[in-house]
């Protein structure tokens, strides 16, 4: 699946590959009946909303559905968060990332 230009209404400025072999962790959803459902994070994206001055690091499933996000004041902070929490190196990002985008 091709990465959309926007995720959740935010403009994507950088992303990783997104394939089933990626495993950047998971999001566990607790169901009302007490069961849980784990969704594997297979792609990551950094995006900006026009109204915000910061950057969002989106955790996505295989179809680029956003399943989690974190807010960061700078692009470098978002990249560092992905590195520390998900093991994503700067070289893993597929788009030129720049604070001026």
C-alpha atoms as a PDB file:
ATOM      1  CA  UNK A   1       0.000   0.000   0.000  1.00  0.00           C
ATOM      2  CA  UNK A   2       1.235   3.462  -0.899  1.00  0.00           C
ATOM      3  CA  UNK A   3       1.731   5.947   1.902  1.00  0.00           C
ATOM      4  CA  UNK A   4      -0.953   8.633   1.918  1.00  0.00           C
ATOM      5  CA  UNK A   5       0.169  12.283   1.739  1.00  0.00           C
ATOM      6  CA  UNK A   6      -1.796  12.814   4.969  1.00  0.00           C
ATOM      7  CA  UNK A   7      -2.478  10.698   8.017  1.00  0.00           C
ATOM      8  CA  UNK A   8      -5.326  11.726  10.323  1.00  0.00           C
ATOM      9  CA  UNK A   9      -5.380  15.098   8.535  1.00  0.00           C
ATOM     10  CA  UNK A  10      -1.683  15.797   9.163  1.00  0.00           C
ATOM     11  CA  UNK A  11       0.827  16.271   6.309  1.00  0.00           C
ATOM     12  CA  UNK A  12       3.393  13.455   6.230  1.00  0.00           C
ATOM     13  CA  UNK A  13       6.986  14.690   6.071  1.00  0.00           C
ATOM     14  CA  UNK A  14       8.830  11.426   6.700  1.00  0.00           C
ATOM     15  CA  UNK A  15       8.140   7.721   7.032  1.00  0.00           C
ATOM     16  CA  UNK A  16       9.702   4.281   7.292  1.00  0.00           C
ATOM     17  CA  UNK A  17       9.058   1.285   5.096  1.00  0.00           C
ATOM     18  CA  UNK A  18       5.842  -0.488   6.030  1.00  0.00           C
ATOM     19  CA  UNK A  19       5.859  -4.229   5.581  1.00  0.00           C
ATOM     20  CA  UNK A  20       4.836  -7.304   7.515  1.00  0.00           C
ATOM     21  CA  UNK A  21       8.435  -8.108   8.477  1.00  0.00           C
ATOM     22  CA  UNK A  22       8.692  -4.842  10.459  1.00  0.00           C
ATOM     23  CA  UNK A  23       7.905  -5.122  14.127  1.00  0.00           C
ATOM     24  CA  UNK A  24       8.163  -1.766  15.888  1.00  0.00           C
ATOM     25  CA  UNK A  25       6.150  -3.017  18.832  1.00  0.00           C
ATOM     26  CA  UNK A  26       2.420  -3.234  19.224  1.00  0.00           C
ATOM     27  CA  UNK A  27      -0.622  -1.452  20.582  1.00  0.00           C
ATOM     28  CA  UNK A  28      -2.877  -3.498  22.845  1.00  0.00           C
ATOM     29  CA  UNK A  29      -6.563  -2.686  22.773  1.00  0.00           C
ATOM     30  CA  UNK A  30      -8.684  -3.897  25.660  1.00  0.00           C
ATOM     31  CA  UNK A  31     -12.132  -4.966  24.512  1.00  0.00           C
ATOM     32  CA  UNK A  32     -15.318  -4.453  26.532  1.00  0.00           C
ATOM     33  CA  UNK A  33     -15.610  -8.214  27.086  1.00  0.00           C
ATOM     34  CA  UNK A  34     -12.202  -8.267  28.806  1.00  0.00           C
ATOM     35  CA  UNK A  35     -10.252  -9.740  25.906  1.00  0.00           C
ATOM     36  CA  UNK A  36      -7.376  -7.898  24.301  1.00  0.00           C
ATOM     37  CA  UNK A  37      -6.334  -7.340  20.713  1.00  0.00           C
ATOM     38  CA  UNK A  38      -2.700  -6.634  19.783  1.00  0.00           C
ATOM     39  CA  UNK A  39      -2.034  -4.615  16.609  1.00  0.00           C
ATOM     40  CA  UNK A  40       1.554  -4.815  15.347  1.00  0.00           C
ATOM     41  CA  UNK A  41       3.212  -1.508  14.414  1.00  0.00           C
ATOM     42  CA  UNK A  42       4.692  -2.081  10.953  1.00  0.00           C
ATOM     43  CA  UNK A  43       5.305   1.505   9.835  1.00  0.00           C
ATOM     44  CA  UNK A  44       6.127   4.874  11.373  1.00  0.00           C
ATOM     45  CA  UNK A  45       5.524   8.369  10.053  1.00  0.00           C
ATOM     46  CA  UNK A  46       6.273  11.901  11.154  1.00  0.00           C
ATOM     47  CA  UNK A  47       3.620  14.438  10.261  1.00  0.00           C
ATOM     48  CA  UNK A  48       2.534  18.012  10.969  1.00  0.00           C
ATOM     49  CA  UNK A  49      -0.879  19.577  11.396  1.00  0.00           C
ATOM     50  CA  UNK A  50      -1.184  23.075   9.949  1.00  0.00           C
ATOM     51  CA  UNK A  51      -2.516  24.407  13.268  1.00  0.00           C
ATOM     52  CA  UNK A  52       0.317  22.973  15.407  1.00  0.00           C
ATOM     53  CA  UNK A  53       3.944  23.999  15.679  1.00  0.00           C
ATOM     54  CA  UNK A  54       5.168  20.545  16.628  1.00  0.00           C
ATOM     55  CA  UNK A  55       5.545  17.141  15.044  1.00  0.00           C
ATOM     56  CA  UNK A  56       3.584  13.940  15.506  1.00  0.00           C
ATOM     57  CA  UNK A  57       5.233  10.546  15.442  1.00  0.00           C
ATOM     58  CA  UNK A  58       2.565   8.148  14.185  1.00  0.00           C
ATOM     59  CA  UNK A  59       2.631   4.401  14.789  1.00  0.00           C
ATOM     60  CA  UNK A  60       0.799   2.672  11.944  1.00  0.00           C
ATOM     61  CA  UNK A  61      -0.494  -0.741  10.977  1.00  0.00           C
ATOM     62  CA  UNK A  62       0.202  -2.422   7.629  1.00  0.00           C
ATOM     63  CA  UNK A  63      -2.474  -0.301   5.888  1.00  0.00           C
ATOM     64  CA  UNK A  64      -1.109   3.003   7.264  1.00  0.00           C
ATOM     65  CA  UNK A  65      -3.945   3.338   9.762  1.00  0.00           C
ATOM     66  CA  UNK A  66      -2.710   5.387  12.714  1.00  0.00           C
ATOM     67  CA  UNK A  67      -2.880   3.270  15.851  1.00  0.00           C
ATOM     68  CA  UNK A  68      -0.902   5.533  18.176  1.00  0.00           C
ATOM     69  CA  UNK A  69       0.912   8.852  18.240  1.00  0.00           C
ATOM     70  CA  UNK A  70       3.179  11.059  20.299  1.00  0.00           C
ATOM     71  CA  UNK A  71       3.689  14.829  20.065  1.00  0.00           C
ATOM     72  CA  UNK A  72       7.140  16.388  19.852  1.00  0.00           C
ATOM     73  CA  UNK A  73       8.282  20.018  19.877  1.00  0.00           C
ATOM     74  CA  UNK A  74      10.970  19.453  17.248  1.00  0.00           C
ATOM     75  CA  UNK A  75      11.654  17.120  14.373  1.00  0.00           C
ATOM     76  CA  UNK A  76      14.856  15.938  16.036  1.00  0.00           C
ATOM     77  CA  UNK A  77      12.890  15.065  19.177  1.00  0.00           C
ATOM     78  CA  UNK A  78      10.462  12.926  17.116  1.00  0.00           C
ATOM     79  CA  UNK A  79      13.336  11.168  15.334  1.00  0.00           C
ATOM     80  CA  UNK A  80      15.096  10.516  18.647  1.00  0.00           C
ATOM     81  CA  UNK A  81      11.895   9.123  20.181  1.00  0.00           C
ATOM     82  CA  UNK A  82      11.536   6.678  17.274  1.00  0.00           C
ATOM     83  CA  UNK A  83      15.175   5.683  17.696  1.00  0.00           C
ATOM     84  CA  UNK A  84      14.957   5.081  21.434  1.00  0.00           C
ATOM     85  CA  UNK A  85      11.511   3.496  21.667  1.00  0.00           C
ATOM     86  CA  UNK A  86      11.330   1.622  18.351  1.00  0.00           C
ATOM     87  CA  UNK A  87      14.947   1.172  17.251  1.00  0.00           C
ATOM     88  CA  UNK A  88      14.517   3.235  14.084  1.00  0.00           C
ATOM     89  CA  UNK A  89      17.805   4.680  12.833  1.00  0.00           C
ATOM     90  CA  UNK A  90      17.943   8.025  11.027  1.00  0.00           C
ATOM     91  CA  UNK A  91      18.873   6.092   7.867  1.00  0.00           C
ATOM     92  CA  UNK A  92      15.556   4.170   8.077  1.00  0.00           C
ATOM     93  CA  UNK A  93      13.525   7.297   7.277  1.00  0.00           C
ATOM     94  CA  UNK A  94      12.428   7.453   3.576  1.00  0.00           C
ATOM     95  CA  UNK A  95      11.830  11.138   2.972  1.00  0.00           C
ATOM     96  CA  UNK A  96      14.142  14.012   3.418  1.00  0.00           C
ATOM     97  CA  UNK A  97      13.287  15.263   6.882  1.00  0.00           C
ATOM     98  CA  UNK A  98      13.782  18.934   7.504  1.00  0.00           C
ATOM     99  CA  UNK A  99      12.556  21.397  10.144  1.00  0.00           C
ATOM    100  CA  UNK A 100      11.707  23.757   7.267  1.00  0.00           C
ATOM    101  CA  UNK A 101       9.059  21.564   5.638  1.00  0.00           C
END
